C-alpha atoms as a PDB file:
ATOM      1  CA  UNK A   1      60.900 160.726 216.396  1.00  0.00           C
ATOM      2  CA  UNK A   2      62.635 157.713 214.932  1.00  0.00           C
ATOM      3  CA  UNK A   3      59.542 155.499 215.342  1.00  0.00           C
ATOM      4  CA  UNK A   4      57.493 157.546 212.882  1.00  0.00           C
ATOM      5  CA  UNK A   5      60.388 157.516 210.412  1.00  0.00           C
ATOM      6  CA  UNK A   6      59.793 153.807 209.889  1.00  0.00           C
ATOM      7  CA  UNK A   7      56.371 154.318 208.351  1.00  0.00           C
ATOM      8  CA  UNK A   8      56.736 151.374 205.965  1.00  0.00           C
ATOM      9  CA  UNK A   9      56.842 149.010 208.946  1.00  0.00           C
ATOM     10  CA  UNK A  10      53.710 150.641 210.352  1.00  0.00           C
ATOM     11  CA  UNK A  11      51.984 150.193 206.990  1.00  0.00           C
ATOM     12  CA  UNK A  12      53.140 146.568 207.020  1.00  0.00           C
ATOM     13  CA  UNK A  13      51.614 145.975 210.445  1.00  0.00           C
ATOM     14  CA  UNK A  14      48.307 147.622 209.499  1.00  0.00           C
ATOM     15  CA  UNK A  15      48.027 145.710 206.220  1.00  0.00           C
ATOM     16  CA  UNK A  16      48.922 142.459 207.950  1.00  0.00           C
ATOM     17  CA  UNK A  17      46.208 142.944 210.567  1.00  0.00           C
ATOM     18  CA  UNK A  18      43.604 143.929 207.965  1.00  0.00           C
ATOM     19  CA  UNK A  19      44.413 140.864 205.871  1.00  0.00           C
ATOM     20  CA  UNK A  20      44.409 138.545 208.870  1.00  0.00           C
ATOM     21  CA  UNK A  21      41.085 139.962 210.075  1.00  0.00           C
ATOM     22  CA  UNK A  22      39.532 139.477 206.637  1.00  0.00           C
ATOM     23  CA  UNK A  23      40.726 135.874 206.479  1.00  0.00           C
ATOM     24  CA  UNK A  24      39.531 134.939 209.964  1.00  0.00           C
ATOM     25  CA  UNK A  25      36.395 137.010 210.525  1.00  0.00           C
ATOM     26  CA  UNK A  26      34.682 137.007 207.138  1.00  0.00           C
ATOM     27  CA  UNK A  27      32.500 134.172 205.866  1.00  0.00           C
ATOM     28  CA  UNK A  28      32.428 135.238 202.230  1.00  0.00           C
ATOM     29  CA  UNK A  29      35.017 133.279 200.248  1.00  0.00           C
ATOM     30  CA  UNK A  30      35.830 136.159 197.891  1.00  0.00           C
ATOM     31  CA  UNK A  31      36.455 138.437 200.878  1.00  0.00           C
ATOM     32  CA  UNK A  32      38.739 135.763 202.325  1.00  0.00           C
ATOM     33  CA  UNK A  33      40.717 135.727 199.075  1.00  0.00           C
ATOM     34  CA  UNK A  34      40.930 139.515 199.142  1.00  0.00           C
ATOM     35  CA  UNK A  35      42.221 139.316 202.715  1.00  0.00           C
ATOM     36  CA  UNK A  36      44.807 136.759 201.603  1.00  0.00           C
ATOM     37  CA  UNK A  37      45.933 139.133 198.868  1.00  0.00           C
ATOM     38  CA  UNK A  38      46.282 142.013 201.351  1.00  0.00           C
ATOM     39  CA  UNK A  39      48.202 139.730 203.727  1.00  0.00           C
ATOM     40  CA  UNK A  40      50.578 138.739 200.912  1.00  0.00           C
ATOM     41  CA  UNK A  41      51.103 142.379 199.987  1.00  0.00           C
ATOM     42  CA  UNK A  42      52.047 143.152 203.582  1.00  0.00           C
ATOM     43  CA  UNK A  43      54.658 140.390 203.569  1.00  0.00           C
ATOM     44  CA  UNK A  44      56.046 141.693 200.271  1.00  0.00           C
ATOM     45  CA  UNK A  45      56.312 145.189 201.758  1.00  0.00           C
ATOM     46  CA  UNK A  46      58.134 143.873 204.828  1.00  0.00           C
ATOM     47  CA  UNK A  47      60.600 141.895 202.753  1.00  0.00           C
ATOM     48  CA  UNK A  48      61.384 144.826 200.460  1.00  0.00           C
ATOM     49  CA  UNK A  49      61.659 147.190 203.453  1.00  0.00           C
ATOM     50  CA  UNK A  50      64.204 144.945 205.130  1.00  0.00           C
ATOM     51  CA  UNK A  51      66.222 144.679 201.901  1.00  0.00           C
ATOM     52  CA  UNK A  52      66.655 148.451 201.574  1.00  0.00           C
ATOM     53  CA  UNK A  53      70.167 149.590 202.396  1.00  0.00           C
ATOM     54  CA  UNK A  54      70.350 153.172 203.650  1.00  0.00           C
ATOM     55  CA  UNK A  55      72.465 155.124 201.186  1.00  0.00           C
ATOM     56  CA  UNK A  56      72.894 152.115 198.918  1.00  0.00           C
ATOM     57  CA  UNK A  57      72.813 152.281 195.143  1.00  0.00           C
ATOM     58  CA  UNK A  58      72.007 149.739 192.475  1.00  0.00           C
ATOM     59  CA  UNK A  59      74.870 147.229 192.138  1.00  0.00           C
ATOM     60  CA  UNK A  60      75.162 148.074 188.437  1.00  0.00           C
ATOM     61  CA  UNK A  61      76.091 151.710 189.106  1.00  0.00           C
ATOM     62  CA  UNK A  62      79.601 151.190 190.417  1.00  0.00           C
ATOM     63  CA  UNK A  63      82.339 153.588 189.502  1.00  0.00           C
ATOM     64  CA  UNK A  64      85.980 152.529 189.255  1.00  0.00           C
ATOM     65  CA  UNK A  65      88.032 153.290 192.324  1.00  0.00           C
ATOM     66  CA  UNK A  66      85.108 154.364 194.486  1.00  0.00           C
ATOM     67  CA  UNK A  67      83.927 151.933 197.140  1.00  0.00           C
ATOM     68  CA  UNK A  68      80.163 152.310 197.280  1.00  0.00           C
ATOM     69  CA  UNK A  69      77.485 150.766 199.389  1.00  0.00           C
ATOM     70  CA  UNK A  70      75.069 148.838 197.189  1.00  0.00           C
ATOM     71  CA  UNK A  71      71.747 147.130 197.742  1.00  0.00           C
ATOM     72  CA  UNK A  72      71.327 143.413 197.221  1.00  0.00           C
ATOM     73  CA  UNK A  73      69.000 142.800 194.232  1.00  0.00           C
ATOM     74  CA  UNK A  74      68.093 139.247 195.303  1.00  0.00           C
ATOM     75  CA  UNK A  75      65.177 140.175 197.633  1.00  0.00           C
ATOM     76  CA  UNK A  76      63.583 142.267 194.898  1.00  0.00           C
ATOM     77  CA  UNK A  77      63.840 139.410 192.419  1.00  0.00           C
ATOM     78  CA  UNK A  78      62.361 136.981 194.946  1.00  0.00           C
ATOM     79  CA  UNK A  79      59.435 139.315 195.542  1.00  0.00           C
ATOM     80  CA  UNK A  80      58.775 139.545 191.799  1.00  0.00           C
ATOM     81  CA  UNK A  81      58.561 135.758 191.741  1.00  0.00           C
ATOM     82  CA  UNK A  82      56.330 135.774 194.818  1.00  0.00           C
ATOM     83  CA  UNK A  83      53.992 138.298 193.174  1.00  0.00           C
ATOM     84  CA  UNK A  84      53.551 135.985 190.191  1.00  0.00           C
ATOM     85  CA  UNK A  85      52.879 133.028 192.496  1.00  0.00           C
ATOM     86  CA  UNK A  86      50.455 135.147 194.532  1.00  0.00           C
ATOM     87  CA  UNK A  87      48.502 136.204 191.457  1.00  0.00           C
ATOM     88  CA  UNK A  88      48.218 132.616 190.268  1.00  0.00           C
ATOM     89  CA  UNK A  89      47.132 131.514 193.753  1.00  0.00           C
ATOM     90  CA  UNK A  90      44.387 134.136 193.830  1.00  0.00           C
ATOM     91  CA  UNK A  91      43.303 133.178 190.296  1.00  0.00           C
ATOM     92  CA  UNK A  92      43.090 129.513 191.282  1.00  0.00           C
ATOM     93  CA  UNK A  93      41.189 130.448 194.436  1.00  0.00           C
ATOM     94  CA  UNK A  94      38.687 132.474 192.428  1.00  0.00           C
ATOM     95  CA  UNK A  95      38.219 129.563 190.022  1.00  0.00           C
ATOM     96  CA  UNK A  96      37.512 127.273 192.976  1.00  0.00           C
ATOM     97  CA  UNK A  97      35.044 129.816 194.395  1.00  0.00           C
ATOM     98  CA  UNK A  98      33.222 129.873 191.049  1.00  0.00           C
ATOM     99  CA  UNK A  99      33.004 126.078 191.127  1.00  0.00           C
ATOM    100  CA  UNK A 100      31.760 126.137 194.734  1.00  0.00           C
ATOM    101  CA  UNK A 101      29.123 128.692 193.753  1.00  0.00           C
ATOM    102  CA  UNK A 102      27.944 126.414 190.929  1.00  0.00           C
ATOM    103  CA  UNK A 103      27.764 123.417 193.255  1.00  0.00           C
ATOM    104  CA  UNK A 104      26.221 124.962 196.374  1.00  0.00           C
ATOM    105  CA  UNK A 105      24.602 128.151 195.074  1.00  0.00           C
ATOM    106  CA  UNK A 106      26.410 130.359 197.596  1.00  0.00           C
ATOM    107  CA  UNK A 107      29.873 131.556 198.567  1.00  0.00           C
ATOM    108  CA  UNK A 108      29.107 132.077 202.256  1.00  0.00           C
ATOM    109  CA  UNK A 109      31.118 129.662 204.376  1.00  0.00           C
ATOM    110  CA  UNK A 110      28.461 128.901 206.999  1.00  0.00           C
ATOM    111  CA  UNK A 111      25.794 128.188 204.368  1.00  0.00           C
ATOM    112  CA  UNK A 112      28.148 125.825 202.526  1.00  0.00           C
ATOM    113  CA  UNK A 113      28.944 123.967 205.765  1.00  0.00           C
ATOM    114  CA  UNK A 114      25.247 123.587 206.606  1.00  0.00           C
ATOM    115  CA  UNK A 115      24.531 122.230 203.105  1.00  0.00           C
ATOM    116  CA  UNK A 116      27.387 119.753 203.408  1.00  0.00           C
ATOM    117  CA  UNK A 117      26.093 118.561 206.799  1.00  0.00           C
ATOM    118  CA  UNK A 118      22.583 118.129 205.373  1.00  0.00           C
ATOM    119  CA  UNK A 119      23.795 115.857 202.558  1.00  0.00           C
END
């Protein structure tokens, strides 16, 4: 079947749902950051999957006189940039979680909210 041939889109959907569930349903801030990372990875996978040209080669490997179908390298470069931004976002988030832990003594969202309301 053609539907099962598109396994990378199925993996995208599963990863997206796992990441979204972790962001929404979990109260632990580190688990939320992990869910955000999984969500970002799913978006990267989707973007790279859409950029793949069936039968395409790298644009560098062109031979004289032969018209060849080539893949566009721009999406891959954009994803490399997005990976760097994603890593720095997660690092900043972890630094903020460490600071929250020092201030409130916990990284559970509901406990932090109750401590803020009590102040």
